[in-house]
C-alpha atoms as a PDB file:
ATOM      1  CA  MET A   1     228.740 245.860  17.230  1.00  0.00           C
ATOM      2  CA  HIS A   2     229.818 242.672  18.959  1.00  0.00           C
ATOM      3  CA  VAL A   3     228.496 240.490  16.120  1.00  0.00           C
ATOM      4  CA  ALA A   4     230.215 242.651  13.500  1.00  0.00           C
ATOM      5  CA  ALA A   5     233.520 242.269  15.325  1.00  0.00           C
ATOM      6  CA  LEU A   6     232.879 238.517  15.725  1.00  0.00           C
ATOM      7  CA  ILE A   7     232.324 238.120  11.980  1.00  0.00           C
ATOM      8  CA  GLU A   8     235.545 240.008  11.221  1.00  0.00           C
ATOM      9  CA  ARG A   9     237.563 237.886  13.657  1.00  0.00           C
ATOM     10  CA  SER A  10     236.084 234.689  12.252  1.00  0.00           C
ATOM     11  CA  ARG A  11     236.914 235.705   8.673  1.00  0.00           C
ATOM     12  CA  LYS A  12     240.514 236.387   9.674  1.00  0.00           C
ATOM     13  CA  GLU A  13     240.595 233.240  11.858  1.00  0.00           C
ATOM     14  CA  VAL A  14     241.506 235.283  14.921  1.00  0.00           C
ATOM     15  CA  ASN A  15     240.311 233.299  17.947  1.00  0.00           C
ATOM     16  CA  PHE A  16     240.087 234.618  21.492  1.00  0.00           C
ATOM     17  CA  LYS A  17     240.177 232.152  24.379  1.00  0.00           C
ATOM     18  CA  ASN A  18     237.041 232.423  26.487  1.00  0.00           C
ATOM     19  CA  PRO A  19     237.824 231.497  30.122  1.00  0.00           C
ATOM     20  CA  TYR A  20     234.100 231.435  30.947  1.00  0.00           C
ATOM     21  CA  LEU A  21     233.040 229.084  28.147  1.00  0.00           C
ATOM     22  CA  GLU A  22     232.426 225.992  30.278  1.00  0.00           C
ATOM     23  CA  HIS A  23     230.802 227.983  33.064  1.00  0.00           C
ATOM     24  CA  ILE A  24     228.303 229.549  30.648  1.00  0.00           C
ATOM     25  CA  SER A  25     227.572 226.193  29.008  1.00  0.00           C
ATOM     26  CA  LYS A  26     226.929 224.607  32.417  1.00  0.00           C
ATOM     27  CA  GLU A  27     225.056 227.412  34.200  1.00  0.00           C
ATOM     28  CA  TYR A  28     223.024 228.753  31.243  1.00  0.00           C
ATOM     29  CA  PRO A  29     222.455 225.740  28.961  1.00  0.00           C
ATOM     30  CA  VAL A  30     219.360 227.084  27.191  1.00  0.00           C
ATOM     31  CA  ILE A  31     220.940 230.463  26.497  1.00  0.00           C
ATOM     32  CA  PHE A  32     224.100 228.720  25.260  1.00  0.00           C
ATOM     33  CA  ASN A  33     221.879 226.704  22.896  1.00  0.00           C
ATOM     34  CA  PHE A  34     220.370 229.946  21.578  1.00  0.00           C
ATOM     35  CA  ALA A  35     223.899 231.224  20.959  1.00  0.00           C
ATOM     36  CA  VAL A  36     224.779 228.012  19.078  1.00  0.00           C
ATOM     37  CA  MET A  37     221.719 228.347  16.850  1.00  0.00           C
ATOM     38  CA  PHE A  38     222.472 232.006  16.166  1.00  0.00           C
ATOM     39  CA  ALA A  39     226.087 231.097  15.346  1.00  0.00           C
ATOM     40  CA  LYS A  40     224.843 228.439  12.913  1.00  0.00           C
ATOM     41  CA  TRP A  41     222.750 231.084  11.152  1.00  0.00           C
ATOM     42  CA  LEU A  42     225.751 233.443  10.974  1.00  0.00           C
ATOM     43  CA  GLU A  43     227.908 230.675   9.520  1.00  0.00           C
ATOM     44  CA  GLU A  44     225.368 229.992   6.773  1.00  0.00           C
ATOM     45  CA  GLU A  45     224.690 233.667   6.079  1.00  0.00           C
ATOM     46  CA  PHE A  46     228.345 234.796   5.881  1.00  0.00           C
ATOM     47  CA  GLN A  47     230.102 231.525   4.908  1.00  0.00           C
ATOM     48  CA  LEU A  48     232.442 231.346   7.885  1.00  0.00           C
ATOM     49  CA  THR A  49     233.221 229.139  10.874  1.00  0.00           C
ATOM     50  CA  ILE A  50     232.601 230.420  14.411  1.00  0.00           C
ATOM     51  CA  ALA A  51     234.694 228.947  17.221  1.00  0.00           C
ATOM     52  CA  SER A  52     233.133 227.623  20.423  1.00  0.00           C
ATOM     53  CA  ASP A  53     234.816 230.363  22.449  1.00  0.00           C
ATOM     54  CA  GLU A  54     233.039 233.002  20.338  1.00  0.00           C
ATOM     55  CA  ILE A  55     229.729 231.221  20.904  1.00  0.00           C
ATOM     56  CA  GLY A  56     230.395 231.559  24.625  1.00  0.00           C
ATOM     57  CA  TYR A  57     230.771 235.332  24.225  1.00  0.00           C
ATOM     58  CA  LEU A  58     227.482 235.471  22.308  1.00  0.00           C
ATOM     59  CA  ALA A  59     225.788 233.591  25.144  1.00  0.00           C
ATOM     60  CA  THR A  60     227.232 236.046  27.677  1.00  0.00           C
ATOM     61  CA  HIS A  61     225.499 238.927  25.885  1.00  0.00           C
ATOM     62  CA  MET A  62     222.264 236.953  25.753  1.00  0.00           C
ATOM     63  CA  THR A  63     222.183 236.445  29.533  1.00  0.00           C
ATOM     64  CA  VAL A  64     221.784 240.206  30.077  1.00  0.00           C
ATOM     65  CA  PRO A  65     218.064 240.485  29.142  1.00  0.00           C
ATOM     66  CA  TYR A  66     217.377 237.272  31.052  1.00  0.00           C
ATOM     67  CA  HIS A  67     218.794 238.756  34.256  1.00  0.00           C
ATOM     68  CA  LYS A  68     217.033 242.073  33.635  1.00  0.00           C
ATOM     69  CA  TRP A  69     213.749 240.163  33.453  1.00  0.00           C
ATOM     70  CA  GLN A  70     214.554 238.337  36.710  1.00  0.00           C
ATOM     71  CA  GLN A  71     215.380 241.687  38.342  1.00  0.00           C
ATOM     72  CA  SER A  72     212.011 243.091  37.278  1.00  0.00           C
ATOM     73  CA  LEU A  73     210.299 240.223  39.129  1.00  0.00           C
ATOM     74  CA  ILE A  74     212.274 241.057  42.282  1.00  0.00           C
ATOM     75  CA  GLU A  75     211.396 244.759  42.087  1.00  0.00           C
ATOM     76  CA  ASN A  76     207.654 244.080  41.807  1.00  0.00           C
ATOM     77  CA  ILE A  77     207.518 242.457  45.277  1.00  0.00           C
ATOM     78  CA  TYR A  78     206.455 244.908  48.021  1.00  0.00           C
ATOM     79  CA  ARG A  79     205.244 242.823  50.994  1.00  0.00           C
ATOM     80  CA  ILE A  80     206.819 239.513  52.039  1.00  0.00           C
ATOM     81  CA  ALA A  81     205.707 237.094  54.771  1.00  0.00           C
ATOM     82  CA  VAL A  82     208.209 234.608  56.217  1.00  0.00           C
ATOM     83  CA  VAL A  83     206.836 231.515  57.997  1.00  0.00           C
ATOM     84  CA  CYS A  84     209.307 229.699  60.286  1.00  0.00           C
ATOM     85  CA  SER A  85     208.948 227.271  63.187  1.00  0.00           C
ATOM     86  CA  SER A  86     209.008 230.236  65.561  1.00  0.00           C
ATOM     87  CA  GLY A  87     209.200 233.985  65.231  1.00  0.00           C
ATOM     88  CA  GLY A  88     212.622 233.962  66.882  1.00  0.00           C
ATOM     89  CA  GLY A  89     216.274 233.953  65.859  1.00  0.00           C
ATOM     90  CA  MET A  90     216.042 231.667  62.824  1.00  0.00           C
ATOM     91  CA  ALA A  91     213.204 233.731  61.363  1.00  0.00           C
ATOM     92  CA  TYR A  92     215.312 236.849  61.880  1.00  0.00           C
ATOM     93  CA  LEU A  93     218.265 235.323  60.004  1.00  0.00           C
ATOM     94  CA  VAL A  94     216.028 234.436  57.047  1.00  0.00           C
ATOM     95  CA  GLU A  95     214.571 237.942  57.134  1.00  0.00           C
ATOM     96  CA  MET A  96     218.062 239.506  57.016  1.00  0.00           C
ATOM     97  CA  LYS A  97     218.992 237.430  53.959  1.00  0.00           C
ATOM     98  CA  LEU A  98     215.772 238.398  52.200  1.00  0.00           C
ATOM     99  CA  ARG A  99     216.379 242.091  52.897  1.00  0.00           C
ATOM    100  CA  ARG A 100     219.566 241.885  50.818  1.00  0.00           C
ATOM    101  CA  ILE A 101     217.552 240.442  47.917  1.00  0.00           C
ATOM    102  CA  PHE A 102     214.438 242.640  48.338  1.00  0.00           C
ATOM    103  CA  PRO A 103     215.840 245.952  49.660  1.00  0.00           C
ATOM    104  CA  ARG A 104     212.581 247.848  48.947  1.00  0.00           C
ATOM    105  CA  ALA A 105     210.127 245.296  50.311  1.00  0.00           C
ATOM    106  CA  LYS A 106     208.424 245.225  53.702  1.00  0.00           C
ATOM    107  CA  ILE A 107     209.181 241.861  55.368  1.00  0.00           C
ATOM    108  CA  GLN A 108     207.329 240.379  58.345  1.00  0.00           C
ATOM    109  CA  THR A 109     207.993 237.041  60.057  1.00  0.00           C
ATOM    110  CA  PHE A 110     205.362 234.653  61.443  1.00  0.00           C
ATOM    111  CA  SER A 111     205.677 231.446  63.422  1.00  0.00           C
ATOM    112  CA  MET A 112     203.989 228.341  62.066  1.00  0.00           C
ATOM    113  CA  PHE A 113     201.398 228.808  64.839  1.00  0.00           C
ATOM    114  CA  GLU A 114     200.412 232.299  63.607  1.00  0.00           C
ATOM    115  CA  ILE A 115     199.423 231.391  60.074  1.00  0.00           C
ATOM    116  CA  GLU A 116     195.948 232.905  60.340  1.00  0.00           C
ATOM    117  CA  LYS A 117     197.573 236.334  60.849  1.00  0.00           C
ATOM    118  CA  ILE A 118     199.158 236.182  57.398  1.00  0.00           C
ATOM    119  CA  GLN A 119     195.871 236.934  55.643  1.00  0.00           C
ATOM    120  CA  ASP A 120     195.599 240.257  57.476  1.00  0.00           C
ATOM    121  CA  TYR A 121     199.097 241.167  56.256  1.00  0.00           C
ATOM    122  CA  TYR A 122     198.104 240.863  52.539  1.00  0.00           C
ATOM    123  CA  PRO A 123     201.531 239.715  51.284  1.00  0.00           C
ATOM    124  CA  ASP A 124     202.710 239.711  47.660  1.00  0.00           C
ATOM    125  CA  LEU A 125     204.958 236.707  48.359  1.00  0.00           C
ATOM    126  CA  ILE A 126     205.382 234.101  51.125  1.00  0.00           C
ATOM    127  CA  PHE A 127     208.460 232.087  52.095  1.00  0.00           C
ATOM    128  CA  SER A 128     207.404 229.142  54.248  1.00  0.00           C
ATOM    129  CA  ILE A 129     208.922 225.998  55.797  1.00  0.00           C
ATOM    130  CA  ILE A 130     205.527 224.251  55.567  1.00  0.00           C
ATOM    131  CA  GLU A 131     202.878 223.897  52.869  1.00  0.00           C
ATOM    132  CA  LEU A 132     200.123 226.369  53.639  1.00  0.00           C
ATOM    133  CA  THR A 133     196.448 225.447  53.531  1.00  0.00           C
ATOM    134  CA  LEU A 134     195.343 229.073  53.587  1.00  0.00           C
ATOM    135  CA  ALA A 135     193.212 230.468  50.791  1.00  0.00           C
ATOM    136  CA  ILE A 136     195.602 233.271  49.947  1.00  0.00           C
ATOM    137  CA  ASP A 137     196.112 235.063  46.642  1.00  0.00           C
ATOM    138  CA  CYS A 138     199.900 235.156  46.339  1.00  0.00           C
ATOM    139  CA  PRO A 139     202.793 232.808  45.466  1.00  0.00           C
ATOM    140  CA  VAL A 140     204.342 230.612  48.177  1.00  0.00           C
ATOM    141  CA  ILE A 141     207.987 229.506  48.028  1.00  0.00           C
ATOM    142  CA  LEU A 142     208.727 226.456  50.169  1.00  0.00           C
ATOM    143  CA  MET A 143     212.134 226.539  51.812  1.00  0.00           C
ATOM    144  CA  SER A 144     214.349 224.898  54.356  1.00  0.00           C
ATOM    145  CA  GLU A 145     214.474 226.751  57.656  1.00  0.00           C
ATOM    146  CA  VAL A 146     218.282 226.617  57.545  1.00  0.00           C
ATOM    147  CA  GLN A 147     218.670 228.747  54.425  1.00  0.00           C
ATOM    148  CA  SER A 148     222.418 228.574  53.749  1.00  0.00           C
ATOM    149  CA  GLU A 149     221.661 228.437  50.012  1.00  0.00           C
ATOM    150  CA  LEU A 150     219.211 231.376  49.899  1.00  0.00           C
ATOM    151  CA  ASP A 151     220.530 233.854  47.332  1.00  0.00           C
ATOM    152  CA  TYR A 152     219.393 236.211  44.588  1.00  0.00           C
ATOM    153  CA  LEU A 153     219.538 233.668  41.759  1.00  0.00           C
ATOM    154  CA  GLU A 154     217.735 231.002  43.795  1.00  0.00           C
ATOM    155  CA  VAL A 155     214.897 233.382  44.627  1.00  0.00           C
ATOM    156  CA  SER A 156     214.601 234.971  41.165  1.00  0.00           C
ATOM    157  CA  GLU A 157     214.434 231.540  39.521  1.00  0.00           C
ATOM    158  CA  ASN A 158     211.709 230.546  41.988  1.00  0.00           C
ATOM    159  CA  LEU A 159     209.717 233.668  41.152  1.00  0.00           C
ATOM    160  CA  SER A 160     209.839 233.044  37.416  1.00  0.00           C
ATOM    161  CA  LEU A 161     208.523 229.508  37.926  1.00  0.00           C
ATOM    162  CA  LEU A 162     205.820 230.639  40.335  1.00  0.00           C
ATOM    163  CA  LYS A 163     204.037 232.260  37.418  1.00  0.00           C
ATOM    164  CA  SER A 164     202.678 228.827  36.533  1.00  0.00           C
ATOM    165  CA  ASP A 165     202.788 227.057  39.930  1.00  0.00           C
ATOM    166  CA  GLU A 166     201.814 229.026  43.015  1.00  0.00           C
ATOM    167  CA  ASN A 167     203.093 226.492  45.548  1.00  0.00           C
ATOM    168  CA  PHE A 168     206.488 225.810  44.048  1.00  0.00           C
ATOM    169  CA  SER A 169     209.475 223.910  45.462  1.00  0.00           C
ATOM    170  CA  ILE A 170     212.795 223.581  43.621  1.00  0.00           C
ATOM    171  CA  GLU A 171     213.485 220.301  45.407  1.00  0.00           C
ATOM    172  CA  ARG A 172     210.159 218.762  44.437  1.00  0.00           C
ATOM    173  CA  SER A 173     210.302 219.947  40.820  1.00  0.00           C
ATOM    174  CA  PHE A 174     213.836 218.555  40.428  1.00  0.00           C
ATOM    175  CA  PHE A 175     213.135 215.083  41.811  1.00  0.00           C
ATOM    176  CA  GLU A 176     209.929 214.730  39.806  1.00  0.00           C
ATOM    177  CA  LEU A 177     212.106 214.564  36.674  1.00  0.00           C
ATOM    178  CA  PHE A 178     213.482 211.081  37.455  1.00  0.00           C
ATOM    179  CA  SER A 179     211.962 207.707  36.554  1.00  0.00           C
ATOM    180  CA  GLN A 180     213.084 204.098  36.892  1.00  0.00           C
ATOM    181  CA  SER A 181     212.438 203.455  33.190  1.00  0.00           C
ATOM    182  CA  LEU A 182     215.167 205.960  32.279  1.00  0.00           C
ATOM    183  CA  PHE A 183     217.875 204.649  34.603  1.00  0.00           C
ATOM    184  CA  GLN A 184     220.735 202.325  33.719  1.00  0.00           C
ATOM    185  CA  ILE A 185     224.274 201.288  34.677  1.00  0.00           C
ATOM    186  CA  GLU A 186     226.908 200.864  31.936  1.00  0.00           C
ATOM    187  CA  THR A 187     230.414 199.376  31.890  1.00  0.00           C
ATOM    188  CA  HIS A 188     233.163 199.031  29.269  1.00  0.00           C
ATOM    189  CA  ARG A 189     231.531 201.058  26.480  1.00  0.00           C
ATOM    190  CA  ALA A 190     232.466 204.131  24.463  1.00  0.00           C
ATOM    191  CA  TYR A 191     230.895 207.332  25.732  1.00  0.00           C
ATOM    192  CA  SER A 192     229.407 208.270  22.348  1.00  0.00           C
ATOM    193  CA  ASP A 193     227.751 204.851  22.038  1.00  0.00           C
ATOM    194  CA  ILE A 194     226.191 205.239  25.486  1.00  0.00           C
ATOM    195  CA  LEU A 195     224.868 208.698  24.572  1.00  0.00           C
ATOM    196  CA  VAL A 196     223.318 207.402  21.350  1.00  0.00           C
ATOM    197  CA  ASP A 197     221.593 204.450  23.048  1.00  0.00           C
ATOM    198  CA  LEU A 198     220.340 206.514  25.989  1.00  0.00           C
ATOM    199  CA  ALA A 199     219.096 209.238  23.644  1.00  0.00           C
ATOM    200  CA  ASP A 200     217.212 206.604  21.636  1.00  0.00           C
ATOM    201  CA  GLN A 201     215.425 205.518  24.815  1.00  0.00           C
ATOM    202  CA  VAL A 202     214.542 209.090  25.718  1.00  0.00           C
ATOM    203  CA  GLU A 203     213.301 209.840  22.199  1.00  0.00           C
ATOM    204  CA  GLU A 204     210.985 206.831  22.332  1.00  0.00           C
ATOM    205  CA  GLN A 205     209.700 207.236  25.896  1.00  0.00           C
ATOM    206  CA  VAL A 206     208.936 210.962  25.821  1.00  0.00           C
ATOM    207  CA  ALA A 207     207.840 211.105  22.165  1.00  0.00           C
ATOM    208  CA  PHE A 208     210.561 213.590  21.282  1.00  0.00           C
ATOM    209  CA  ALA A 209     211.160 213.267  17.517  1.00  0.00           C
ATOM    210  CA  GLY A 210     214.715 214.174  16.501  1.00  0.00           C
ATOM    211  CA  TYR A 211     215.972 214.195  20.095  1.00  0.00           C
ATOM    212  CA  LYS A 212     219.055 212.040  19.470  1.00  0.00           C
ATOM    213  CA  ASP A 213     220.246 213.993  16.425  1.00  0.00           C
ATOM    214  CA  SER A 214     219.797 217.339  18.161  1.00  0.00           C
ATOM    215  CA  LEU A 215     221.610 216.110  21.278  1.00  0.00           C
ATOM    216  CA  MET A 216     224.597 214.781  19.343  1.00  0.00           C
ATOM    217  CA  GLU A 217     224.788 218.013  17.343  1.00  0.00           C
ATOM    218  CA  ARG A 218     224.912 220.032  20.575  1.00  0.00           C
ATOM    219  CA  GLU A 219     227.585 217.702  21.967  1.00  0.00           C
ATOM    220  CA  ASN A 220     229.748 218.296  18.899  1.00  0.00           C
ATOM    221  CA  TYR A 221     229.914 222.018  19.668  1.00  0.00           C
ATOM    222  CA  LEU A 222     231.158 221.577  23.234  1.00  0.00           C
ATOM    223  CA  SER A 223     231.293 218.572  25.529  1.00  0.00           C
ATOM    224  CA  THR A 224     228.829 218.619  28.425  1.00  0.00           C
ATOM    225  CA  ILE A 225     231.109 216.582  30.710  1.00  0.00           C
ATOM    226  CA  TYR A 226     231.816 218.905  33.610  1.00  0.00           C
ATOM    227  CA  GLN A 227     233.526 218.949  36.994  1.00  0.00           C
ATOM    228  CA  ASN A 228     234.131 215.618  38.772  1.00  0.00           C
ATOM    229  CA  GLY A 229     232.612 213.585  35.935  1.00  0.00           C
ATOM    230  CA  ILE A 230     229.053 214.955  35.945  1.00  0.00           C
ATOM    231  CA  ALA A 231     227.728 214.996  32.361  1.00  0.00           C
ATOM    232  CA  ILE A 232     224.549 216.891  31.401  1.00  0.00           C
ATOM    233  CA  PRO A 233     223.932 216.230  27.690  1.00  0.00           C
ATOM    234  CA  HIS A 234     220.891 217.878  26.129  1.00  0.00           C
ATOM    235  CA  PRO A 235     219.558 218.736  22.654  1.00  0.00           C
ATOM    236  CA  LEU A 236     219.771 222.144  21.004  1.00  0.00           C
ATOM    237  CA  ILE A 237     215.995 222.404  20.828  1.00  0.00           C
ATOM    238  CA  MET A 238     213.550 221.111  23.437  1.00  0.00           C
ATOM    239  CA  SER A 239     210.170 219.794  22.271  1.00  0.00           C
ATOM    240  CA  GLY A 240     209.376 216.688  24.335  1.00  0.00           C
ATOM    241  CA  LYS A 241     205.957 215.697  25.620  1.00  0.00           C
ATOM    242  CA  GLU A 242     207.132 215.719  29.242  1.00  0.00           C
ATOM    243  CA  ASN A 243     210.071 216.820  31.386  1.00  0.00           C
ATOM    244  CA  ARG A 244     212.507 214.001  32.166  1.00  0.00           C
ATOM    245  CA  LEU A 245     216.064 213.361  33.376  1.00  0.00           C
ATOM    246  CA  ALA A 246     217.552 210.077  32.181  1.00  0.00           C
ATOM    247  CA  VAL A 247     220.421 208.740  34.303  1.00  0.00           C
ATOM    248  CA  CYS A 248     223.322 206.454  33.467  1.00  0.00           C
ATOM    249  CA  LEU A 249     225.914 205.443  36.069  1.00  0.00           C
ATOM    250  CA  LEU A 250     229.433 204.734  34.824  1.00  0.00           C
ATOM    251  CA  PRO A 251     231.223 203.002  37.725  1.00  0.00           C
ATOM    252  CA  GLU A 252     234.182 201.997  35.544  1.00  0.00           C
ATOM    253  CA  GLY A 253     234.289 205.101  33.367  1.00  0.00           C
ATOM    254  CA  THR A 254     234.174 205.070  29.563  1.00  0.00           C
ATOM    255  CA  SER A 255     236.457 205.329  26.565  1.00  0.00           C
ATOM    256  CA  GLY A 256     236.642 207.919  23.802  1.00  0.00           C
ATOM    257  CA  THR A 257     236.600 211.105  25.905  1.00  0.00           C
ATOM    258  CA  GLU A 258     239.255 213.456  27.275  1.00  0.00           C
ATOM    259  CA  ARG A 259     237.414 213.701  30.565  1.00  0.00           C
ATOM    260  CA  SER A 260     236.204 210.705  32.511  1.00  0.00           C
ATOM    261  CA  PRO A 261     232.407 210.856  32.987  1.00  0.00           C
ATOM    262  CA  LYS A 262     230.940 209.176  36.074  1.00  0.00           C
ATOM    263  CA  ILE A 263     227.224 209.999  35.902  1.00  0.00           C
ATOM    264  CA  ILE A 264     225.184 211.065  32.883  1.00  0.00           C
ATOM    265  CA  PHE A 265     222.118 213.217  33.557  1.00  0.00           C
ATOM    266  CA  MET A 266     220.470 213.433  30.119  1.00  0.00           C
ATOM    267  CA  VAL A 267     217.925 216.270  29.867  1.00  0.00           C
ATOM    268  CA  SER A 268     214.637 216.155  27.952  1.00  0.00           C
ATOM    269  CA  LEU A 269     212.138 218.981  28.434  1.00  0.00           C
ATOM    270  CA  LYS A 270     209.008 220.375  26.898  1.00  0.00           C
ATOM    271  CA  ALA A 271     209.336 223.534  24.826  1.00  0.00           C
ATOM    272  CA  GLU A 272     209.967 226.862  26.592  1.00  0.00           C
ATOM    273  CA  GLN A 273     211.191 225.361  29.855  1.00  0.00           C
ATOM    274  CA  LEU A 274     214.204 227.627  30.365  1.00  0.00           C
ATOM    275  CA  ASP A 275     213.615 227.947  34.099  1.00  0.00           C
ATOM    276  CA  VAL A 276     213.344 224.184  34.626  1.00  0.00           C
ATOM    277  CA  HIS A 277     216.633 223.747  32.778  1.00  0.00           C
ATOM    278  CA  GLN A 278     218.173 226.402  35.050  1.00  0.00           C
ATOM    279  CA  ILE A 279     217.026 224.423  38.101  1.00  0.00           C
ATOM    280  CA  ILE A 280     218.649 221.254  36.742  1.00  0.00           C
ATOM    281  CA  SER A 281     221.912 223.123  36.134  1.00  0.00           C
ATOM    282  CA  LYS A 282     221.878 224.706  39.586  1.00  0.00           C
ATOM    283  CA  GLU A 283     221.168 221.463  41.448  1.00  0.00           C
ATOM    284  CA  LEU A 284     223.752 219.448  39.517  1.00  0.00           C
ATOM    285  CA  SER A 285     226.317 222.233  39.935  1.00  0.00           C
ATOM    286  CA  LYS A 286     225.939 221.752  43.695  1.00  0.00           C
ATOM    287  CA  LEU A 287     226.596 218.036  43.254  1.00  0.00           C
ATOM    288  CA  MET A 288     229.753 218.688  41.199  1.00  0.00           C
ATOM    289  CA  ASN A 289     231.386 220.330  44.203  1.00  0.00           C
ATOM    290  CA  HIS A 290     231.108 217.163  46.315  1.00  0.00           C
ATOM    291  CA  PRO A 291     233.190 214.274  44.933  1.00  0.00           C
ATOM    292  CA  ALA A 292     232.426 212.063  47.952  1.00  0.00           C
ATOM    293  CA  ALA A 293     228.694 212.296  47.214  1.00  0.00           C
ATOM    294  CA  ILE A 294     229.334 211.534  43.538  1.00  0.00           C
ATOM    295  CA  LYS A 295     231.366 208.463  44.480  1.00  0.00           C
ATOM    296  CA  THR A 296     228.506 207.200  46.657  1.00  0.00           C
ATOM    297  CA  LEU A 297     225.988 207.739  43.867  1.00  0.00           C
ATOM    298  CA  VAL A 298     228.132 205.946  41.281  1.00  0.00           C
ATOM    299  CA  GLU A 299     228.295 202.918  43.568  1.00  0.00           C
ATOM    300  CA  SER A 300     224.480 202.598  43.675  1.00  0.00           C
ATOM    301  CA  LYS A 301     223.291 199.122  42.707  1.00  0.00           C
ATOM    302  CA  ASP A 302     219.850 200.090  41.391  1.00  0.00           C
ATOM    303  CA  TYR A 303     217.497 203.004  40.739  1.00  0.00           C
ATOM    304  CA  HIS A 304     215.982 203.111  44.230  1.00  0.00           C
ATOM    305  CA  GLU A 305     219.369 203.267  45.950  1.00  0.00           C
ATOM    306  CA  PHE A 306     220.495 206.013  43.553  1.00  0.00           C
ATOM    307  CA  TYR A 307     217.295 208.039  43.934  1.00  0.00           C
ATOM    308  CA  TYR A 308     217.229 208.036  47.728  1.00  0.00           C
ATOM    309  CA  THR A 309     220.955 208.739  47.949  1.00  0.00           C
ATOM    310  CA  LEU A 310     220.514 211.709  45.624  1.00  0.00           C
ATOM    311  CA  LYS A 311     217.594 212.963  47.732  1.00  0.00           C
ATOM    312  CA  ARG A 312     219.780 212.698  50.803  1.00  0.00           C
ATOM    313  CA  VAL A 313     222.625 214.727  49.328  1.00  0.00           C
ATOM    314  CA  LEU A 314     220.599 217.283  47.347  1.00  0.00           C
ATOM    315  CA  GLY A 315     217.547 217.573  49.545  1.00  0.00           C
ATOM    316  CA  ARG A 316     217.036 220.029  52.367  1.00  0.00           C
ATOM    317  CA  ARG A 317     220.003 218.743  54.320  1.00  0.00           C
ATOM    318  CA  ASN A 318     223.374 220.399  53.835  1.00  0.00           C
ATOM    319  CA  LEU A 319     225.561 218.741  51.196  1.00  0.00           C
ATOM    320  CA  ILE A 320     228.653 219.355  53.324  1.00  0.00           C
ATOM    321  CA  GLU A 321     227.416 216.713  55.768  1.00  0.00           C
ATOM    322  CA  HIS A 322     227.930 214.091  53.059  1.00  0.00           C
END
């Protein structure tokens, strides 16, 4: 019914403004790409033009089954073990937060000195501040003991990734995406030229045929320059040989754009890496809310300074401190 109404509006050139368009593009980049590809098919099939705002509405509908799937993962957890430095107040706070996410689960806390007791508990899932050496048949989510960021989306995204990695850490998986060979600093150039050159490098280094063309096509639908100058360009279709984030610092800005980009985080992933893309979006969304941290990053003189500054502001320490 929604698509039928969309087609009718597009034929009559009736456009609705979508106030959530940028949010959907930023927070659900893969799903937005699916919506773009579906819109392209509709345009060819019915000889019409679909506005970006309508594509955003399509993407909104597509997020529903994704969240239903995440909810099913949550509901299948029955016994949770929480490992903190002690079994005291901090463990209790983490437990209270988890009870809001897993209302049906049984949750028990353990200090880091009681690890051997975990095996007798037979948990379905473990949250731990340390990497466990136990031979235990369940996923382990590594966390910071001060869990100000612990929420439903964070946990559900962890669970979906734990299907393939049973000792998963969002922080580790995010920082593994960077490499010195895909880092550069640019001045006095047009934004589109920088994108093309950086995309060429990515296409060559990760053996991703057609990467540049797909990325520029996606950019033509809706700019990926977001809050406080963080840009996250990516192709419509992912099919690289490895997961990588290319970085370009723009200390003097660029020309040819309405918004002024400061840092480009160019995404290249293997096929079917929706959850990894969600992690990238979530981590960079945190960075967007801290202009002082962005300013410090833009002033980095080389890759190593940038990388360790980023680890400091997006690692397990609170971003507000920076």
